[in-house]
Each structure stands twice: as C-alpha cells, then as structure tokens.
Amino acid sequence: MTSQEGQLYPIASALLKTSQSNDIQPGEKTMLSLKQTMSSLAVVAAFGVSASAFAATDAYLTNSTNVKDDNPEGVVKNGIGECWQTGTWTKEKAATIKGCPGYVEPVVAAPAPAPAPAPAPAPAPVTVSKHFTLKADVLFEFNKATLKPEGKDALDKLYEQVKDLDPKEGKAVVVGYTDRIGSEKYNFDLGYKRAKSVADYLVSKGAPADKIDAQSRGKADPVTGDTCAKVKNRKKLIECLAPDRRVEIDVQGIHEETKPAAQ
C-alpha cells in the first residue's frame, strides 16, 4: 500500500461507519446501509484509480497535472488555494516548495567580478647620449673665460634639451679647446677655465655638480687643420682659427619613457 492509499482508506472506513448509525429507522436501515456501502466503495474505487496520478513531496501531496510555472512541483490545493500537507510536513521542508506558504526563493550568488587586467609593464629606461659643440666666440670674448650674455642664452637652450635626463647613472663632460695662438700651457689653462665656466653655469641651472666634469685639451685637436697656415695677418688669423676655439659637451643620462594618460 502506498502512502497516498494509506491516507485514502481511512476516508472509506469513515464512510462505511455511517451505515451503522443508530439514528436510522429500522425499516430504512437495510436499504440505506446498502446504498452507503456502495457509495463508499465507489469513492474508494475512484481514489484508487486516480492514485497513480498522485505523488508526494516530503511536505505536500502533488499531482503532475497541476504543474505550472508558479507551481512547478504540481502541489495539490483545495478550493481556497491551500496546499495539502503530508504527515511529514515541516517548516524547513515547506521552504523548498514553490507555490506554497513558507517558500523561500533561493539566493543566487552574484558572479565573482572579473579580475582587473594586469597593468602594462613600465617602459624600460633608455640610456641617452648627446653631444654638443658650442663656438667659444659665442660664449666668450677672445682670450677670456667669462660667459657673455649670448653665451648664457646658448647654454640655457642646451640645458632645456638635457634637463629631463636622469643623471643617476649618467654624467656630463665639458671640454674646452683653444686655437694655436699662444703657448701650450697658456692655452691649456684657458681651455680649462672656459670649460669650468660652462660647467658652473649648468650646475647653477640644476645639473648635479658631482656628475659634471670640466676638462681641457688646450690647442690640441684643431678642426681647421692647415687651412690657416698661410694666413699672416693676426686679425685674419684669429678669424680663420675661430672653429678651433670651442667647447664640446657630452651628456649621458637615463631617459624614462612616460606612458600617455588614458583618454
């Protein structure tokens, strides 16, 4: 016997017992008893035939013909919409049956947020070397080592080109050159004084003093070669040897590439 049949047979037994009521007159008792008995058997037969269509959750009686979107379990309900409870009904079990009192909608966990994209690697620093050659006649008066206003302007422009270089792993070398007029010692000293004047000015602009070195080559390494060899006039010779009078600057530093800001 199924659980549903066990719940239906007490109904038939109750109906059968009504045939034994003492309130019925003796002349009618036999006929009524026979009719009630037949009715009771018909009820039992009807439930017995349809019992196969019924099933039961742990909390409610169900019927597959009752399945709907709002009653997915097919719970059997009475005329006023109440769910038929089983003998094993509990509040906890009822909480899992949609369409009946006490149902608790399952909470669906929100999907985990997608991991943030890894930041792009920072561009590798680049070692940059720059070479500058400045005419001494622009920087100084002839045979002098004091910067002219025009010389300072030239160094201001040069500094703008190198100020963004990180000098931590770099350096700057300033070398003074002279022409061949005068003694070797005199020209070496003049070349150093000019290089020192340039270096000091760059330090005053912000260059690190411990990363800049002033040197002199004097009248060594002329760029004019022998082009002025036949010039005898002093004034003309000074003009001819002008390219030899120069200050060369070599700057080396680290350039950090900056990533453009996101639009």
C-alpha atoms as a PDB file:
ATOM      1  CA  MET A   1       0.000   0.000   0.000  1.00  0.00           C
ATOM      2  CA  THR A   2       1.340   3.426  -0.972  1.00  0.00           C
ATOM      3  CA  SER A   3       1.375   6.443   1.351  1.00  0.00           C
ATOM      4  CA  GLN A   4      -1.433   8.025  -0.682  1.00  0.00           C
ATOM      5  CA  GLU A   5      -3.563   4.863  -0.415  1.00  0.00           C
ATOM      6  CA  GLY A   6      -2.925   4.808   3.305  1.00  0.00           C
ATOM      7  CA  GLN A   7      -4.297   8.331   3.505  1.00  0.00           C
ATOM      8  CA  LEU A   8      -7.398   7.427   1.413  1.00  0.00           C
ATOM      9  CA  TYR A   9      -8.528   4.216   3.144  1.00  0.00           C
ATOM     10  CA  PRO A  10      -9.440   5.975   6.413  1.00  0.00           C
ATOM     11  CA  ILE A  11     -11.855   8.109   4.360  1.00  0.00           C
ATOM     12  CA  ALA A  12     -13.636   4.979   3.088  1.00  0.00           C
ATOM     13  CA  SER A  13     -13.725   3.470   6.565  1.00  0.00           C
ATOM     14  CA  ALA A  14     -15.375   6.598   7.926  1.00  0.00           C
ATOM     15  CA  LEU A  15     -17.998   6.451   5.203  1.00  0.00           C
ATOM     16  CA  LEU A  16     -18.730   2.816   5.929  1.00  0.00           C
ATOM     17  CA  LYS A  17     -19.183   3.526   9.615  1.00  0.00           C
ATOM     18  CA  THR A  18     -22.010   5.970   8.862  1.00  0.00           C
ATOM     19  CA  SER A  19     -24.106   2.992   7.713  1.00  0.00           C
ATOM     20  CA  GLN A  20     -24.167   1.773  11.280  1.00  0.00           C
ATOM     21  CA  SER A  21     -25.698   4.969  12.712  1.00  0.00           C
ATOM     22  CA  ASN A  22     -28.406   4.317  15.398  1.00  0.00           C
ATOM     23  CA  ASP A  23     -30.388   7.333  14.216  1.00  0.00           C
ATOM     24  CA  ILE A  24     -31.810   5.484  11.154  1.00  0.00           C
ATOM     25  CA  GLN A  25     -35.224   3.809  11.450  1.00  0.00           C
ATOM     26  CA  PRO A  26     -35.262   0.009  11.358  1.00  0.00           C
ATOM     27  CA  GLY A  27     -37.373  -0.114   8.164  1.00  0.00           C
ATOM     28  CA  GLU A  28     -34.889   2.051   6.256  1.00  0.00           C
ATOM     29  CA  LYS A  29     -31.691   0.863   7.793  1.00  0.00           C
ATOM     30  CA  THR A  30     -31.005  -2.039   5.469  1.00  0.00           C
ATOM     31  CA  MET A  31     -31.628  -0.083   2.248  1.00  0.00           C
ATOM     32  CA  LEU A  32     -29.613   2.983   3.380  1.00  0.00           C
ATOM     33  CA  SER A  33     -26.796   0.842   4.610  1.00  0.00           C
ATOM     34  CA  LEU A  34     -26.587  -0.873   1.248  1.00  0.00           C
ATOM     35  CA  LYS A  35     -26.558   2.473  -0.624  1.00  0.00           C
ATOM     36  CA  GLN A  36     -23.904   3.975   1.656  1.00  0.00           C
ATOM     37  CA  THR A  37     -21.770   0.916   1.355  1.00  0.00           C
ATOM     38  CA  MET A  38     -21.930   1.075  -2.422  1.00  0.00           C
ATOM     39  CA  SER A  39     -21.180   4.820  -2.356  1.00  0.00           C
ATOM     40  CA  SER A  40     -18.216   4.275  -0.100  1.00  0.00           C
ATOM     41  CA  LEU A  41     -16.845   1.572  -2.308  1.00  0.00           C
ATOM     42  CA  ALA A  42     -17.273   3.862  -5.309  1.00  0.00           C
ATOM     43  CA  VAL A  43     -15.306   6.627  -3.549  1.00  0.00           C
ATOM     44  CA  VAL A  44     -12.552   4.207  -2.651  1.00  0.00           C
ATOM     45  CA  ALA A  45     -12.500   2.874  -6.224  1.00  0.00           C
ATOM     46  CA  ALA A  46     -12.342   6.405  -7.617  1.00  0.00           C
ATOM     47  CA  PHE A  47      -9.414   7.344  -5.398  1.00  0.00           C
ATOM     48  CA  GLY A  48      -7.773   4.024  -6.090  1.00  0.00           C
ATOM     49  CA  VAL A  49      -7.982   4.560  -9.843  1.00  0.00           C
ATOM     50  CA  SER A  50      -6.591   8.081  -9.667  1.00  0.00           C
ATOM     51  CA  ALA A  51      -3.974   7.373  -7.018  1.00  0.00           C
ATOM     52  CA  SER A  52      -1.406   6.614  -9.689  1.00  0.00           C
ATOM     53  CA  ALA A  53      -1.621  10.262 -10.811  1.00  0.00           C
ATOM     54  CA  PHE A  54      -0.665  11.464  -7.323  1.00  0.00           C
ATOM     55  CA  ALA A  55       2.748  11.617  -5.740  1.00  0.00           C
ATOM     56  CA  ALA A  56       4.054  13.339  -2.658  1.00  0.00           C
ATOM     57  CA  THR A  57       6.915  15.629  -1.758  1.00  0.00           C
ATOM     58  CA  ASP A  58       8.183  15.452   1.794  1.00  0.00           C
ATOM     59  CA  ALA A  59       5.864  18.345   2.614  1.00  0.00           C
ATOM     60  CA  TYR A  60       2.861  18.290   0.222  1.00  0.00           C
ATOM     61  CA  LEU A  61       0.717  15.996  -1.881  1.00  0.00           C
ATOM     62  CA  THR A  62       1.399  16.524  -5.606  1.00  0.00           C
ATOM     63  CA  ASN A  63      -0.220  15.767  -8.937  1.00  0.00           C
ATOM     64  CA  SER A  64       1.611  16.054 -12.242  1.00  0.00           C
ATOM     65  CA  THR A  65      -1.443  17.640 -13.886  1.00  0.00           C
ATOM     66  CA  ASN A  66      -1.080  20.643 -11.586  1.00  0.00           C
ATOM     67  CA  VAL A  67       2.419  21.566 -12.770  1.00  0.00           C
ATOM     68  CA  LYS A  68       2.642  25.235 -13.764  1.00  0.00           C
ATOM     69  CA  ASP A  69       5.265  27.965 -13.768  1.00  0.00           C
ATOM     70  CA  ASP A  70       4.086  29.131 -10.341  1.00  0.00           C
ATOM     71  CA  ASN A  71       3.582  25.536  -9.104  1.00  0.00           C
ATOM     72  CA  PRO A  72       6.500  23.568 -10.544  1.00  0.00           C
ATOM     73  CA  GLU A  73       6.037  20.683  -8.104  1.00  0.00           C
ATOM     74  CA  GLY A  74       2.348  20.267  -9.017  1.00  0.00           C
ATOM     75  CA  VAL A  75       1.186  20.605  -5.388  1.00  0.00           C
ATOM     76  CA  VAL A  76      -2.454  19.666  -4.850  1.00  0.00           C
ATOM     77  CA  LYS A  77      -4.500  22.557  -3.442  1.00  0.00           C
ATOM     78  CA  ASN A  78      -8.040  22.789  -2.047  1.00  0.00           C
ATOM     79  CA  GLY A  79     -10.781  25.120  -3.246  1.00  0.00           C
ATOM     80  CA  ILE A  80      -9.306  28.151  -1.465  1.00  0.00           C
ATOM     81  CA  GLY A  81      -5.770  27.556  -2.682  1.00  0.00           C
ATOM     82  CA  GLU A  82      -4.329  25.890   0.402  1.00  0.00           C
ATOM     83  CA  CYS A  83      -1.644  23.266  -0.188  1.00  0.00           C
ATOM     84  CA  TRP A  84      -2.390  19.706   1.023  1.00  0.00           C
ATOM     85  CA  GLN A  85       0.230  18.892   3.594  1.00  0.00           C
ATOM     86  CA  THR A  86       1.637  15.406   4.186  1.00  0.00           C
ATOM     87  CA  GLY A  87       2.188  13.932   7.599  1.00  0.00           C
ATOM     88  CA  THR A  88       5.903  14.713   7.315  1.00  0.00           C
ATOM     89  CA  TRP A  89       5.397  18.439   6.648  1.00  0.00           C
ATOM     90  CA  THR A  90       7.822  20.776   8.393  1.00  0.00           C
ATOM     91  CA  LYS A  91       8.532  24.438   8.001  1.00  0.00           C
ATOM     92  CA  GLU A  92      12.011  23.664   6.734  1.00  0.00           C
ATOM     93  CA  LYS A  93      10.700  21.284   4.045  1.00  0.00           C
ATOM     94  CA  ALA A  94       7.952  23.721   3.015  1.00  0.00           C
ATOM     95  CA  ALA A  95      10.582  26.381   2.411  1.00  0.00           C
ATOM     96  CA  THR A  96      11.771  24.435  -0.664  1.00  0.00           C
ATOM     97  CA  ILE A  97       8.350  24.073  -2.387  1.00  0.00           C
ATOM     98  CA  LYS A  98       7.487  26.919  -4.720  1.00  0.00           C
ATOM     99  CA  GLY A  99       3.811  27.935  -4.785  1.00  0.00           C
ATOM    100  CA  CYS A 100       3.045  27.185  -1.139  1.00  0.00           C
ATOM    101  CA  PRO A 101       3.318  29.261   2.061  1.00  0.00           C
ATOM    102  CA  GLY A 102       6.742  29.462   3.580  1.00  0.00           C
ATOM    103  CA  TYR A 103       8.620  29.079   0.291  1.00  0.00           C
ATOM    104  CA  VAL A 104      11.996  30.827   0.339  1.00  0.00           C
ATOM    105  CA  GLU A 105      13.421  31.883  -3.015  1.00  0.00           C
ATOM    106  CA  PRO A 106      16.972  30.545  -3.322  1.00  0.00           C
ATOM    107  CA  VAL A 107      19.620  33.214  -3.267  1.00  0.00           C
ATOM    108  CA  VAL A 108      21.803  33.036  -6.361  1.00  0.00           C
ATOM    109  CA  ALA A 109      25.313  34.135  -5.618  1.00  0.00           C
ATOM    110  CA  ALA A 110      26.472  37.008  -7.766  1.00  0.00           C
ATOM    111  CA  PRO A 111      29.252  36.042 -10.155  1.00  0.00           C
ATOM    112  CA  ALA A 112      32.687  36.951  -8.986  1.00  0.00           C
ATOM    113  CA  PRO A 113      33.947  40.158 -10.603  1.00  0.00           C
ATOM    114  CA  ALA A 114      36.373  39.677 -13.422  1.00  0.00           C
ATOM    115  CA  PRO A 115      39.954  40.203 -12.328  1.00  0.00           C
ATOM    116  CA  ALA A 116      41.387  43.582 -13.168  1.00  0.00           C
ATOM    117  CA  PRO A 117      43.688  43.490 -16.173  1.00  0.00           C
ATOM    118  CA  ALA A 118      47.336  43.428 -15.297  1.00  0.00           C
ATOM    119  CA  PRO A 119      48.960  46.836 -15.691  1.00  0.00           C
ATOM    120  CA  ALA A 120      51.150  47.244 -18.709  1.00  0.00           C
ATOM    121  CA  PRO A 121      54.829  46.924 -17.842  1.00  0.00           C
ATOM    122  CA  ALA A 122      56.634  50.197 -17.455  1.00  0.00           C
ATOM    123  CA  PRO A 123      58.834  51.046 -20.421  1.00  0.00           C
ATOM    124  CA  ALA A 124      62.453  50.176 -19.826  1.00  0.00           C
ATOM    125  CA  PRO A 125      64.674  53.188 -19.185  1.00  0.00           C
ATOM    126  CA  VAL A 126      66.834  54.184 -22.114  1.00  0.00           C
ATOM    127  CA  THR A 127      70.404  55.441 -21.832  1.00  0.00           C
ATOM    128  CA  VAL A 128      70.728  58.571 -23.937  1.00  0.00           C
ATOM    129  CA  SER A 129      73.946  60.269 -25.039  1.00  0.00           C
ATOM    130  CA  LYS A 130      74.052  63.743 -26.531  1.00  0.00           C
ATOM    131  CA  HIS A 131      76.953  65.706 -27.958  1.00  0.00           C
ATOM    132  CA  PHE A 132      77.062  69.484 -28.303  1.00  0.00           C
ATOM    133  CA  THR A 133      79.674  71.755 -29.817  1.00  0.00           C
ATOM    134  CA  LEU A 134      79.461  75.430 -28.876  1.00  0.00           C
ATOM    135  CA  LYS A 135      81.545  78.148 -30.507  1.00  0.00           C
ATOM    136  CA  ALA A 136      83.834  79.805 -27.986  1.00  0.00           C
ATOM    137  CA  ASP A 137      83.354  83.162 -29.754  1.00  0.00           C
ATOM    138  CA  VAL A 138      79.634  82.930 -28.894  1.00  0.00           C
ATOM    139  CA  LEU A 139      80.346  82.045 -25.289  1.00  0.00           C
ATOM    140  CA  PHE A 140      83.333  84.267 -24.532  1.00  0.00           C
ATOM    141  CA  GLU A 141      85.255  87.318 -25.657  1.00  0.00           C
ATOM    142  CA  PHE A 142      88.539  86.498 -27.336  1.00  0.00           C
ATOM    143  CA  ASN A 143      91.167  85.329 -24.833  1.00  0.00           C
ATOM    144  CA  LYS A 144      88.598  85.446 -21.957  1.00  0.00           C
ATOM    145  CA  ALA A 145      86.807  82.835 -19.830  1.00  0.00           C
ATOM    146  CA  THR A 146      83.825  84.876 -18.587  1.00  0.00           C
ATOM    147  CA  LEU A 147      80.490  83.969 -20.195  1.00  0.00           C
ATOM    148  CA  LYS A 148      78.856  86.635 -22.338  1.00  0.00           C
ATOM    149  CA  PRO A 149      75.069  87.177 -22.193  1.00  0.00           C
ATOM    150  CA  GLU A 150      74.829  85.471 -25.584  1.00  0.00           C
ATOM    151  CA  GLY A 151      76.777  82.548 -24.136  1.00  0.00           C
ATOM    152  CA  LYS A 152      74.376  82.168 -21.259  1.00  0.00           C
ATOM    153  CA  ASP A 153      71.450  82.195 -23.692  1.00  0.00           C
ATOM    154  CA  ALA A 154      73.115  79.393 -25.680  1.00  0.00           C
ATOM    155  CA  LEU A 155      73.634  77.333 -22.518  1.00  0.00           C
ATOM    156  CA  ASP A 156      70.011  77.933 -21.439  1.00  0.00           C
ATOM    157  CA  LYS A 157      68.835  76.368 -24.697  1.00  0.00           C
ATOM    158  CA  LEU A 158      71.259  73.478 -24.276  1.00  0.00           C
ATOM    159  CA  TYR A 159      70.088  72.818 -20.734  1.00  0.00           C
ATOM    160  CA  GLU A 160      66.459  72.583 -21.871  1.00  0.00           C
ATOM    161  CA  GLN A 161      67.486  69.687 -24.091  1.00  0.00           C
ATOM    162  CA  VAL A 162      69.150  67.684 -21.319  1.00  0.00           C
ATOM    163  CA  LYS A 163      67.338  68.601 -18.114  1.00  0.00           C
ATOM    164  CA  ASP A 164      64.956  65.621 -18.364  1.00  0.00           C
ATOM    165  CA  LEU A 165      67.798  63.125 -18.418  1.00  0.00           C
ATOM    166  CA  ASP A 166      68.241  61.336 -15.089  1.00  0.00           C
ATOM    167  CA  PRO A 167      71.916  61.783 -14.187  1.00  0.00           C
ATOM    168  CA  LYS A 168      71.991  58.997 -11.537  1.00  0.00           C
ATOM    169  CA  GLU A 169      73.636  56.621 -13.977  1.00  0.00           C
ATOM    170  CA  GLY A 170      74.988  59.327 -16.267  1.00  0.00           C
ATOM    171  CA  LYS A 171      77.463  62.117 -16.443  1.00  0.00           C
ATOM    172  CA  ALA A 172      78.416  65.259 -18.363  1.00  0.00           C
ATOM    173  CA  VAL A 173      81.887  66.099 -19.613  1.00  0.00           C
ATOM    174  CA  VAL A 174      82.706  69.664 -20.661  1.00  0.00           C
ATOM    175  CA  VAL A 175      85.928  70.076 -22.666  1.00  0.00           C
ATOM    176  CA  GLY A 176      87.484  73.426 -23.556  1.00  0.00           C
ATOM    177  CA  TYR A 177      89.562  73.871 -26.749  1.00  0.00           C
ATOM    178  CA  THR A 178      91.608  76.873 -27.896  1.00  0.00           C
ATOM    179  CA  ASP A 179      93.369  77.883 -31.097  1.00  0.00           C
ATOM    180  CA  ARG A 180      97.131  77.536 -31.647  1.00  0.00           C
ATOM    181  CA  ILE A 181      97.976  81.150 -30.861  1.00  0.00           C
ATOM    182  CA  GLY A 182      99.990  81.296 -27.615  1.00  0.00           C
ATOM    183  CA  SER A 183     101.868  78.730 -25.527  1.00  0.00           C
ATOM    184  CA  GLU A 184     100.603  75.245 -24.841  1.00  0.00           C
ATOM    185  CA  LYS A 185     100.329  75.867 -21.075  1.00  0.00           C
ATOM    186  CA  TYR A 186      98.534  79.136 -21.539  1.00  0.00           C
ATOM    187  CA  ASN A 187      96.016  77.588 -23.895  1.00  0.00           C
ATOM    188  CA  PHE A 188      95.521  74.543 -21.672  1.00  0.00           C
ATOM    189  CA  ASP A 189      94.726  76.785 -18.708  1.00  0.00           C
ATOM    190  CA  LEU A 190      92.408  78.958 -20.835  1.00  0.00           C
ATOM    191  CA  GLY A 191      90.601  75.883 -22.147  1.00  0.00           C
ATOM    192  CA  TYR A 192      90.053  74.603 -18.595  1.00  0.00           C
ATOM    193  CA  LYS A 193      88.798  77.969 -17.330  1.00  0.00           C
ATOM    194  CA  ARG A 194      86.267  78.142 -20.141  1.00  0.00           C
ATOM    195  CA  ALA A 195      85.126  74.564 -19.520  1.00  0.00           C
ATOM    196  CA  LYS A 196      84.792  75.325 -15.804  1.00  0.00           C
ATOM    197  CA  SER A 197      82.722  78.457 -16.522  1.00  0.00           C
ATOM    198  CA  VAL A 198      80.321  76.377 -18.650  1.00  0.00           C
ATOM    199  CA  ALA A 199      80.107  73.589 -16.061  1.00  0.00           C
ATOM    200  CA  ASP A 200      79.433  76.021 -13.224  1.00  0.00           C
ATOM    201  CA  TYR A 201      76.674  77.700 -15.177  1.00  0.00           C
ATOM    202  CA  LEU A 202      74.980  74.372 -15.906  1.00  0.00           C
ATOM    203  CA  VAL A 203      75.175  73.498 -12.195  1.00  0.00           C
ATOM    204  CA  SER A 204      73.506  76.824 -11.402  1.00  0.00           C
ATOM    205  CA  LYS A 205      70.666  75.736 -13.722  1.00  0.00           C
ATOM    206  CA  GLY A 206      70.194  72.481 -11.832  1.00  0.00           C
ATOM    207  CA  ALA A 207      72.742  69.999 -13.160  1.00  0.00           C
ATOM    208  CA  PRO A 208      74.226  67.814 -10.355  1.00  0.00           C
ATOM    209  CA  ALA A 209      77.703  69.121  -9.522  1.00  0.00           C
ATOM    210  CA  ASP A 210      79.058  65.627  -8.779  1.00  0.00           C
ATOM    211  CA  LYS A 211      78.056  64.408 -12.257  1.00  0.00           C
ATOM    212  CA  ILE A 212      79.705  67.102 -14.362  1.00  0.00           C
ATOM    213  CA  ASP A 213      83.401  67.238 -15.145  1.00  0.00           C
ATOM    214  CA  ALA A 214      85.395  70.144 -16.662  1.00  0.00           C
ATOM    215  CA  GLN A 215      88.422  69.277 -18.772  1.00  0.00           C
ATOM    216  CA  SER A 216      90.831  70.992 -21.217  1.00  0.00           C
ATOM    217  CA  ARG A 217      92.521  69.925 -24.403  1.00  0.00           C
ATOM    218  CA  GLY A 218      94.132  73.323 -24.951  1.00  0.00           C
ATOM    219  CA  LYS A 219      95.216  73.767 -28.555  1.00  0.00           C
ATOM    220  CA  ALA A 220      95.139  70.021 -29.270  1.00  0.00           C
ATOM    221  CA  ASP A 221      92.811  68.535 -31.897  1.00  0.00           C
ATOM    222  CA  PRO A 222      92.329  71.613 -34.119  1.00  0.00           C
ATOM    223  CA  VAL A 223      89.488  71.269 -36.601  1.00  0.00           C
ATOM    224  CA  THR A 224      90.943  73.774 -39.071  1.00  0.00           C
ATOM    225  CA  GLY A 225      93.902  71.579 -39.962  1.00  0.00           C
ATOM    226  CA  ASP A 226      96.331  73.528 -42.177  1.00  0.00           C
ATOM    227  CA  THR A 227      93.749  75.784 -43.786  1.00  0.00           C
ATOM    228  CA  CYS A 228      95.082  78.799 -41.907  1.00  0.00           C
ATOM    229  CA  ALA A 229      98.796  78.018 -42.383  1.00  0.00           C
ATOM    230  CA  LYS A 230      99.387  80.785 -44.938  1.00  0.00           C
ATOM    231  CA  VAL A 231      97.426  83.476 -43.091  1.00  0.00           C
ATOM    232  CA  LYS A 232      99.917  86.019 -41.694  1.00  0.00           C
ATOM    233  CA  ASN A 233      97.702  88.898 -40.576  1.00  0.00           C
ATOM    234  CA  ARG A 234      96.884  88.360 -36.868  1.00  0.00           C
ATOM    235  CA  LYS A 235      93.331  89.620 -37.127  1.00  0.00           C
ATOM    236  CA  LYS A 236      92.717  87.469 -40.158  1.00  0.00           C
ATOM    237  CA  LEU A 237      94.388  84.501 -38.424  1.00  0.00           C
ATOM    238  CA  ILE A 238      92.183  84.890 -35.354  1.00  0.00           C
ATOM    239  CA  GLU A 239      89.145  84.840 -37.620  1.00  0.00           C
ATOM    240  CA  CYS A 240      90.438  81.815 -39.531  1.00  0.00           C
ATOM    241  CA  LEU A 241      91.160  79.815 -36.356  1.00  0.00           C
ATOM    242  CA  ALA A 242      87.693  80.532 -34.818  1.00  0.00           C
ATOM    243  CA  PRO A 243      86.402  76.946 -35.322  1.00  0.00           C
ATOM    244  CA  ASP A 244      89.264  75.632 -33.132  1.00  0.00           C
ATOM    245  CA  ARG A 245      88.059  77.779 -30.249  1.00  0.00           C
ATOM    246  CA  ARG A 246      85.140  75.732 -28.958  1.00  0.00           C
ATOM    247  CA  VAL A 247      83.590  73.969 -26.005  1.00  0.00           C
ATOM    248  CA  GLU A 248      82.351  70.411 -26.509  1.00  0.00           C
ATOM    249  CA  ILE A 249      79.858  68.882 -24.122  1.00  0.00           C
ATOM    250  CA  ASP A 250      78.990  65.182 -23.901  1.00  0.00           C
ATOM    251  CA  VAL A 251      75.954  64.372 -21.793  1.00  0.00           C
ATOM    252  CA  GLN A 252      74.834  60.876 -20.859  1.00  0.00           C
ATOM    253  CA  GLY A 253      71.763  60.083 -18.807  1.00  0.00           C
ATOM    254  CA  ILE A 254      68.731  57.830 -18.371  1.00  0.00           C
ATOM    255  CA  HIS A 255      65.533  58.763 -20.154  1.00  0.00           C
ATOM    256  CA  GLU A 256      62.347  57.373 -18.624  1.00  0.00           C
ATOM    257  CA  GLU A 257      59.611  56.852 -21.199  1.00  0.00           C
ATOM    258  CA  THR A 258      56.298  58.151 -19.900  1.00  0.00           C
ATOM    259  CA  LYS A 259      53.081  56.323 -20.728  1.00  0.00           C
ATOM    260  CA  PRO A 260      50.433  58.642 -22.185  1.00  0.00           C
ATOM    261  CA  ALA A 261      47.467  59.226 -19.916  1.00  0.00           C
ATOM    262  CA  ALA A 262      44.282  57.301 -20.778  1.00  0.00           C
ATOM    263  CA  GLN A 263      41.710  59.375 -22.614  1.00  0.00           C
END
